[in-house]
């Protein structure tokens, strides 16, 4: 996920009020429920005072019952009210979908921008979204960070949550008129695929003065774990994809990041500059690593051809993260599909999860899709849409 690709999305999380609307009630008990709700939000709950209202005995009983239900609901939070069941994949609005096929639970877990999780047994019917993370409000993320491009990875009997966190209250730079928020890729951990995911030892993985995003996970040929991430174009004006070594338990990073390639290395991504000239696009977005059947190391990543959102692929000549990376001449996916990843179903099919992209009345409308792919040869080939 990148500011160039973000806009105002329909799946952006907006806090909701946890309050009931009761259309029909008994006499003044309707007002009593409203009084109780207001009292709860203000931190004062004087039920005895409220009960002095002129209510019938029956209405009082009903009032107490509904007040108790309301109180329990408020204490338990909003999540239980928001969970939906038997939702088709194409009815979910979600950017940057990432699907973990967990063998232990025989469940598919899907996350992405917004940071919540959807669950499915068959890829056809989904339930969610579930809130699964617990960040530290005293950390650089602040109490309510934006969450982009979350990923789930199983590693050494634990589950890891890679995501981009943004604290809009901290500004780190201004470049070419763009004020840049504090944003970075970070890793949380859990014993379960459905969380809760919590911070580990290191407070930061990447430099605070650099806006980074879309971190993904890879074990290279040296046996070491790495985060591969984007250094955002807003600051460097030519977005890059970089790597940084992680500690063995993924609780922090080791050393400094290393450049893998730049957005301008791509022959297919384009934009118009201020003078109307066609130049390479600045955006790097959504890296994901894979190996072909021949052992070749490839990387999915996304950018733009003018105003069309597209995904390309690059291959490493050395078979390692160090490259050099050679870009394919043409995009991999149809127009306005991007930020893809690969996973294998429980019955052995290799699929790509990706989102479609279109602008509707100034808002980005993005929906997860699945494609069947073939990795048996020397290159990744998309064979067609997958219908669960």
Protein backbone atom coordinates (compact mmCIF):
# COMPACT_ATOMS: atom_id res chain seq x y z
CA UNK A 1 0.00 0.00 0.00
CA UNK A 2 1.32 3.43 -0.93
CA UNK A 3 -0.01 6.96 -0.70
CA UNK A 4 -0.08 7.07 -4.50
CA UNK A 5 -2.31 4.01 -4.50
CA UNK A 6 -4.26 4.77 -1.38
CA UNK A 7 -6.68 7.67 -1.83
CA UNK A 8 -9.69 7.39 0.46
CA UNK A 9 -10.69 3.75 0.49
CA UNK A 10 -14.05 2.23 1.24
CA UNK A 11 -12.45 -0.28 3.60
CA UNK A 12 -10.75 2.39 5.71
CA UNK A 13 -11.67 1.80 9.34
CA UNK A 14 -13.89 4.48 10.87
CA UNK A 15 -14.77 4.08 14.57
CA UNK A 16 -18.45 3.42 15.20
CA UNK A 17 -20.63 4.27 18.18
CA UNK A 18 -21.60 1.20 20.18
CA UNK A 19 -25.22 2.10 20.80
CA UNK A 20 -28.52 0.35 20.21
CA UNK A 21 -31.47 1.91 18.40
CA UNK A 22 -34.76 0.56 19.73
CA UNK A 23 -37.67 1.55 17.51
CA UNK A 24 -40.56 0.56 19.78
CA UNK A 25 -40.52 0.65 23.56
CA UNK A 26 -42.85 1.30 26.46
CA UNK A 27 -43.68 4.88 27.44
CA UNK A 28 -40.86 6.79 29.06
CA UNK A 29 -38.67 3.68 29.19
CA UNK A 30 -37.52 4.61 25.66
CA UNK A 31 -36.11 7.87 27.03
CA UNK A 32 -34.63 6.02 29.98
CA UNK A 33 -32.54 3.86 27.64
CA UNK A 34 -31.22 6.99 25.98
CA UNK A 35 -30.47 8.54 29.37
CA UNK A 36 -28.61 5.42 30.44
CA UNK A 37 -26.61 5.40 27.20
CA UNK A 38 -25.63 9.05 27.61
CA UNK A 39 -24.76 8.46 31.25
CA UNK A 40 -22.57 5.50 30.25
CA UNK A 41 -20.61 7.53 27.72
CA UNK A 42 -20.11 10.33 30.26
CA UNK A 43 -18.80 7.87 32.83
CA UNK A 44 -21.71 8.22 35.28
CA UNK A 45 -24.27 5.45 35.64
CA UNK A 46 -26.86 6.45 38.23
CA UNK A 47 -29.48 3.75 37.69
CA UNK A 48 -31.27 4.60 40.95
CA UNK A 49 -31.80 8.18 39.80
CA UNK A 50 -33.04 7.03 36.42
CA UNK A 51 -35.45 4.60 38.02
CA UNK A 52 -37.16 7.47 39.81
CA UNK A 53 -38.80 8.28 36.47
CA UNK A 54 -42.49 7.50 36.33
CA UNK A 55 -42.40 4.00 34.86
CA UNK A 56 -44.73 1.08 35.31
CA UNK A 57 -43.29 -1.96 37.08
CA UNK A 58 -43.30 -3.88 33.84
CA UNK A 59 -41.58 -1.08 31.96
CA UNK A 60 -38.95 -0.91 34.69
CA UNK A 61 -38.22 -4.61 34.30
CA UNK A 62 -37.90 -4.23 30.56
CA UNK A 63 -35.72 -1.18 31.04
CA UNK A 64 -33.36 -2.99 33.42
CA UNK A 65 -33.09 -5.94 31.07
CA UNK A 66 -32.23 -3.82 28.04
CA UNK A 67 -29.90 -1.63 30.09
CA UNK A 68 -27.99 -4.71 31.22
CA UNK A 69 -27.70 -5.96 27.64
CA UNK A 70 -26.49 -2.55 26.55
CA UNK A 71 -23.96 -2.34 29.36
CA UNK A 72 -22.51 -5.80 28.62
CA UNK A 73 -22.31 -4.98 24.93
CA UNK A 74 -20.46 -1.74 25.61
CA UNK A 75 -18.05 -3.47 27.97
CA UNK A 76 -17.31 -6.19 25.45
CA UNK A 77 -16.53 -3.66 22.74
CA UNK A 78 -17.75 -3.32 19.20
CA UNK A 79 -16.25 -6.34 17.51
CA UNK A 80 -19.06 -8.82 18.23
CA UNK A 81 -21.59 -6.46 16.65
CA UNK A 82 -19.53 -6.11 13.46
CA UNK A 83 -18.82 -9.77 12.65
CA UNK A 84 -20.52 -10.98 9.47
CA UNK A 85 -20.96 -14.57 8.33
CA UNK A 86 -21.19 -16.43 5.00
CA UNK A 87 -19.84 -13.48 3.04
CA UNK A 88 -18.70 -14.18 -0.56
CA UNK A 89 -15.15 -13.07 -1.32
CA UNK A 90 -16.31 -10.61 -3.98
CA UNK A 91 -18.56 -8.90 -1.43
CA UNK A 92 -15.60 -7.94 0.78
CA UNK A 93 -13.95 -4.58 0.21
CA UNK A 94 -10.28 -4.99 1.08
CA UNK A 95 -6.98 -3.67 -0.24
CA UNK A 96 -3.79 -5.71 -0.29
CA UNK A 97 -5.34 -9.12 0.51
CA UNK A 98 -3.01 -11.70 2.02
CA UNK A 99 -4.19 -15.26 2.71
CA UNK A 100 -2.57 -17.71 5.11
CA UNK A 101 -3.62 -21.34 4.60
CA UNK A 102 -3.07 -22.70 8.09
CA UNK A 103 -2.60 -26.47 8.11
CA UNK A 104 -3.07 -26.79 11.87
CA UNK A 105 -6.55 -25.30 11.96
CA UNK A 106 -7.50 -26.08 8.33
CA UNK A 107 -8.66 -22.48 8.06
CA UNK A 108 -7.82 -19.75 5.59
CA UNK A 109 -7.04 -16.42 7.25
CA UNK A 110 -7.20 -13.28 5.13
CA UNK A 111 -5.92 -9.87 6.17
CA UNK A 112 -4.78 -6.69 4.43
CA UNK A 113 -5.16 -2.94 4.81
CA UNK A 114 -7.22 -2.14 7.90
CA UNK A 115 -5.41 -4.91 9.76
CA UNK A 116 -8.37 -7.12 10.61
CA UNK A 117 -8.80 -10.81 9.79
CA UNK A 118 -11.38 -12.79 7.85
CA UNK A 119 -11.71 -16.58 8.23
CA UNK A 120 -12.89 -19.27 5.82
CA UNK A 121 -12.93 -23.05 5.50
CA UNK A 122 -13.39 -23.11 1.71
CA UNK A 123 -12.34 -19.70 0.28
CA UNK A 124 -15.97 -19.22 -0.71
CA UNK A 125 -17.71 -18.26 2.54
CA UNK A 126 -15.97 -15.83 4.87
CA UNK A 127 -16.63 -14.48 8.33
CA UNK A 128 -15.21 -11.37 9.93
CA UNK A 129 -13.64 -8.93 10.23
CA UNK A 130 -11.96 -9.76 13.55
CA UNK A 131 -9.70 -7.36 15.40
CA UNK A 132 -6.51 -9.30 16.17
CA UNK A 133 -3.72 -6.90 17.13
CA UNK A 134 -2.62 -5.19 20.32
CA UNK A 135 -0.17 -2.36 19.70
CA UNK A 136 1.59 -0.34 22.38
CA UNK A 137 -0.05 3.12 22.62
CA UNK A 138 3.14 4.49 24.19
CA UNK A 139 5.27 3.44 21.22
CA UNK A 140 6.00 5.53 18.12
CA UNK A 141 2.79 4.14 16.57
CA UNK A 142 0.61 6.03 19.03
CA UNK A 143 -2.78 4.88 20.34
CA UNK A 144 -4.56 4.48 16.99
CA UNK A 145 -2.19 3.87 14.05
CA UNK A 146 -3.36 3.39 10.50
CA UNK A 147 -2.61 -0.16 9.33
CA UNK A 148 -1.78 -1.01 5.72
CA UNK A 149 -0.90 -4.18 3.84
CA UNK A 150 -0.88 -6.63 6.75
CA UNK A 151 0.52 -10.13 6.17
CA UNK A 152 0.43 -13.37 8.21
CA UNK A 153 3.38 -15.78 8.25
CA UNK A 154 3.91 -19.00 10.17
CA UNK A 155 7.53 -19.48 11.26
CA UNK A 156 9.12 -21.70 13.92
CA UNK A 157 5.79 -22.63 15.55
CA UNK A 158 4.65 -19.04 15.89
CA UNK A 159 2.61 -16.66 13.74
CA UNK A 160 3.93 -13.28 12.66
CA UNK A 161 2.01 -10.22 11.58
CA UNK A 162 3.93 -7.99 9.17
CA UNK A 163 2.22 -4.65 8.56
CA UNK A 164 2.72 -0.97 7.83
CA UNK A 165 1.83 1.33 10.73
CA UNK A 166 1.36 5.09 10.38
CA UNK A 167 1.17 7.70 13.14
CA UNK A 168 -0.33 10.80 11.54
CA UNK A 169 0.49 12.88 14.63
CA UNK A 170 4.24 12.64 13.94
CA UNK A 171 5.73 14.33 10.87
CA UNK A 172 9.20 13.27 9.78
CA UNK A 173 9.86 15.30 6.64
CA UNK A 174 8.51 17.57 3.92
CA UNK A 175 9.63 16.89 0.34
CA UNK A 176 8.33 18.61 -2.80
CA UNK A 177 5.41 19.99 -0.79
CA UNK A 178 4.43 16.60 0.65
CA UNK A 179 4.31 16.42 4.45
CA UNK A 180 5.40 12.89 5.39
CA UNK A 181 3.94 11.06 8.39
CA UNK A 182 5.85 8.64 10.62
CA UNK A 183 5.34 5.33 8.83
CA UNK A 184 7.17 2.02 9.00
CA UNK A 185 6.92 -1.71 8.50
CA UNK A 186 6.83 -3.60 11.79
CA UNK A 187 6.31 -7.17 13.06
CA UNK A 188 3.99 -8.51 15.78
CA UNK A 189 3.77 -12.09 17.09
CA UNK A 190 1.15 -14.57 18.32
CA UNK A 191 0.87 -18.25 19.23
CA UNK A 192 -2.30 -18.50 17.14
CA UNK A 193 -3.14 -17.52 13.56
CA UNK A 194 -6.15 -15.50 14.75
CA UNK A 195 -4.12 -13.62 17.35
CA UNK A 196 -3.91 -11.60 19.42
CA UNK A 197 -0.72 -10.29 17.80
CA UNK A 198 1.51 -8.23 20.08
CA UNK A 199 4.81 -6.30 19.83
CA UNK A 200 8.15 -7.98 20.48
CA UNK A 201 11.48 -6.73 21.81
CA UNK A 202 12.56 -4.04 19.37
CA UNK A 203 10.63 -0.78 19.26
CA UNK A 204 11.68 -0.16 15.64
CA UNK A 205 12.81 -2.32 12.73
CA UNK A 206 13.63 0.45 10.26
CA UNK A 207 15.00 4.00 10.56
CA UNK A 208 12.54 6.49 12.04
CA UNK A 209 13.48 9.19 9.53
CA UNK A 210 12.56 7.03 6.50
CA UNK A 211 8.96 6.27 5.46
CA UNK A 212 8.83 2.52 4.77
CA UNK A 213 5.92 0.25 3.95
CA UNK A 214 4.64 -3.12 2.71
CA UNK A 215 7.18 -5.31 4.49
CA UNK A 216 7.11 -9.00 3.59
CA UNK A 217 8.99 -12.07 4.84
CA UNK A 218 11.60 -14.26 3.16
CA UNK A 219 14.20 -16.87 4.15
CA UNK A 220 17.14 -16.50 1.77
CA UNK A 221 19.65 -19.11 0.64
CA UNK A 222 21.91 -18.22 3.58
CA UNK A 223 19.18 -19.54 5.90
CA UNK A 224 18.62 -16.12 7.47
CA UNK A 225 15.23 -14.37 7.76
CA UNK A 226 14.74 -11.04 6.01
CA UNK A 227 12.14 -8.32 5.68
CA UNK A 228 11.75 -7.02 2.14
CA UNK A 229 10.04 -3.64 2.09
CA UNK A 230 9.48 -0.42 0.13
CA UNK A 231 11.23 2.85 0.87
CA UNK A 232 8.51 5.30 -0.08
CA UNK A 233 8.78 7.54 -3.13
CA UNK A 234 7.38 10.52 -1.20
CA UNK A 235 10.81 11.08 0.32
CA UNK A 236 13.30 9.64 -2.18
CA UNK A 237 11.24 10.56 -5.30
CA UNK A 238 12.12 7.19 -6.87
CA UNK A 239 10.64 4.45 -4.70
CA UNK A 240 12.86 1.50 -3.90
CA UNK A 241 12.55 -2.08 -2.72
CA UNK A 242 15.07 -3.01 -0.06
CA UNK A 243 15.92 -5.82 2.34
CA UNK A 244 17.00 -5.94 5.98
CA UNK A 245 18.09 -8.97 7.98
CA UNK A 246 15.90 -9.99 10.92
CA UNK A 247 16.88 -11.56 14.21
CA UNK A 248 16.42 -15.35 14.34
CA UNK A 249 13.15 -14.98 16.28
CA UNK A 250 12.05 -11.99 14.13
CA UNK A 251 11.96 -9.78 17.24
CA UNK A 252 14.00 -7.06 15.58
CA UNK A 253 16.33 -6.21 12.71
CA UNK A 254 20.08 -6.63 12.22
CA UNK A 255 22.25 -4.02 10.54
CA UNK A 256 21.04 -1.66 7.83
CA UNK A 257 18.78 -1.99 4.82
CA UNK A 258 20.17 -2.75 1.37
CA UNK A 259 18.82 -1.57 -1.98
CA UNK A 260 17.46 -4.29 -4.30
CA UNK A 261 16.01 -2.14 -7.10
CA UNK A 262 14.30 1.18 -7.88
CA UNK A 263 10.92 1.96 -9.39
CA UNK A 264 12.68 3.56 -12.35
CA UNK A 265 14.33 0.21 -13.19
CA UNK A 266 11.01 -1.02 -14.56
CA UNK A 267 10.45 -0.74 -18.33
CA UNK A 268 6.64 -0.91 -17.99
CA UNK A 269 5.68 1.55 -15.23
CA UNK A 270 5.13 5.10 -16.51
CA UNK A 271 3.80 8.52 -15.57
CA UNK A 272 3.79 12.08 -16.87
CA UNK A 273 6.13 14.63 -15.32
CA UNK A 274 5.31 18.30 -14.76
CA UNK A 275 6.21 19.09 -18.38
CA UNK A 276 4.04 16.33 -19.82
CA UNK A 277 6.93 14.03 -20.66
CA UNK A 278 6.60 10.27 -20.15
CA UNK A 279 8.99 9.12 -17.42
CA UNK A 280 9.29 6.03 -15.20
CA UNK A 281 6.73 5.90 -12.40
CA UNK A 282 8.00 6.65 -8.90
CA UNK A 283 5.93 4.10 -6.96
CA UNK A 284 7.06 0.76 -5.54
CA UNK A 285 4.33 -1.20 -3.81
CA UNK A 286 3.58 -4.66 -2.37
CA UNK A 287 6.67 -6.89 -2.82
CA UNK A 288 6.15 -10.66 -2.51
CA UNK A 289 8.82 -13.33 -3.02
CA UNK A 290 8.43 -16.79 -4.62
CA UNK A 291 10.41 -19.54 -6.35
CA UNK A 292 9.55 -21.15 -9.65
CA UNK A 293 9.67 -24.88 -10.30
CA UNK A 294 13.14 -24.43 -11.79
CA UNK A 295 14.33 -22.76 -8.57
CA UNK A 296 14.34 -19.23 -9.93
CA UNK A 297 13.70 -16.46 -7.38
CA UNK A 298 10.99 -14.02 -8.39
CA UNK A 299 9.34 -10.97 -6.86
CA UNK A 300 5.86 -9.60 -7.44
CA UNK A 301 5.53 -5.83 -7.05
CA UNK A 302 3.04 -3.18 -8.09
CA UNK A 303 3.17 0.29 -9.64
CA UNK A 304 1.27 2.35 -12.22
CA UNK A 305 1.07 2.92 -15.96
CA UNK A 306 -0.21 6.48 -15.85
CA UNK A 307 -3.53 6.05 -13.97
CA UNK A 308 -3.75 2.26 -14.39
CA UNK A 309 -2.79 0.14 -11.39
CA UNK A 310 -0.73 -2.90 -12.44
CA UNK A 311 1.48 -5.64 -11.08
CA UNK A 312 4.80 -6.69 -12.53
CA UNK A 313 7.43 -9.26 -11.73
CA UNK A 314 11.22 -9.27 -11.47
CA UNK A 315 13.65 -12.20 -11.29
CA UNK A 316 16.96 -12.46 -9.47
CA UNK A 317 19.88 -13.58 -11.63
CA UNK A 318 21.77 -14.91 -8.60
CA UNK A 319 18.78 -16.70 -7.10
CA UNK A 320 19.20 -14.64 -3.91
CA UNK A 321 17.80 -11.39 -2.60
CA UNK A 322 21.02 -9.63 -3.60
CA UNK A 323 20.10 -9.98 -7.27
CA UNK A 324 20.78 -8.36 -9.65
CA UNK A 325 17.08 -8.08 -10.35
CA UNK A 326 15.87 -8.12 -13.94
CA UNK A 327 12.44 -6.67 -14.65
CA UNK A 328 10.02 -8.33 -17.05
CA UNK A 329 9.14 -6.08 -19.99
CA UNK A 330 5.37 -6.25 -19.50
CA UNK A 331 3.04 -6.29 -16.47
CA UNK A 332 1.94 -9.69 -15.20
CA UNK A 333 -1.73 -9.03 -14.41
CA UNK A 334 -4.66 -7.48 -16.27
CA UNK A 335 -5.09 -3.69 -15.90
CA UNK A 336 -6.20 -2.45 -12.48
CA UNK A 337 -5.19 -5.52 -10.51
CA UNK A 338 -2.31 -5.31 -8.04
CA UNK A 339 -0.61 -6.04 -4.72
CA UNK A 340 -0.71 -9.81 -5.20
CA UNK A 341 0.64 -12.73 -3.21
CA UNK A 342 0.75 -16.51 -3.69
CA UNK A 343 -0.52 -19.35 -1.50
CA UNK A 344 -1.38 -23.04 -1.84
CA UNK A 345 -4.85 -24.36 -1.05
CA UNK A 346 -5.39 -27.40 1.15
CA UNK A 347 -6.02 -29.48 -1.97
CA UNK A 348 -2.78 -28.36 -3.61
CA UNK A 349 -3.83 -25.57 -6.00
CA UNK A 350 -1.47 -22.63 -6.30
CA UNK A 351 -3.38 -19.34 -6.23
CA UNK A 352 -2.71 -15.64 -6.37
CA UNK A 353 -4.69 -13.35 -4.06
CA UNK A 354 -4.90 -9.83 -5.48
CA UNK A 355 -7.21 -6.85 -5.37
CA UNK A 356 -9.01 -5.11 -8.19
CA UNK A 357 -8.85 -1.34 -8.32
CA UNK A 358 -11.23 1.36 -9.49
CA UNK A 359 -12.20 4.85 -8.41
CA UNK A 360 -15.87 5.40 -7.55
CA UNK A 361 -16.93 8.98 -6.75
CA UNK A 362 -13.46 9.87 -5.51
CA UNK A 363 -13.03 6.74 -3.39
CA UNK A 364 -10.98 3.67 -4.17
CA UNK A 365 -13.11 0.55 -4.52
CA UNK A 366 -10.93 -2.54 -4.03
CA UNK A 367 -12.10 -6.14 -3.87
CA UNK A 368 -10.07 -9.36 -3.36
CA UNK A 369 -9.84 -11.79 -6.28
CA UNK A 370 -8.21 -15.18 -6.79
CA UNK A 371 -6.31 -16.37 -9.87
CA UNK A 372 -4.85 -19.79 -10.62
CA UNK A 373 -1.13 -19.70 -11.39
CA UNK A 374 1.49 -22.06 -12.77
CA UNK A 375 5.01 -22.10 -11.32
CA UNK A 376 6.16 -25.38 -12.83
CA UNK A 377 8.47 -23.78 -15.37
CA UNK A 378 10.95 -20.92 -15.31
CA UNK A 379 8.40 -18.11 -14.89
CA UNK A 380 5.18 -17.37 -13.06
CA UNK A 381 2.17 -17.74 -15.36
CA UNK A 382 -1.41 -16.71 -14.53
CA UNK A 383 -3.74 -19.30 -16.03
CA UNK A 384 -7.10 -17.72 -15.22
CA UNK A 385 -9.57 -16.66 -12.52
CA UNK A 386 -10.28 -19.11 -9.71
CA UNK A 387 -13.83 -19.69 -8.51
CA UNK A 388 -13.99 -21.47 -5.15
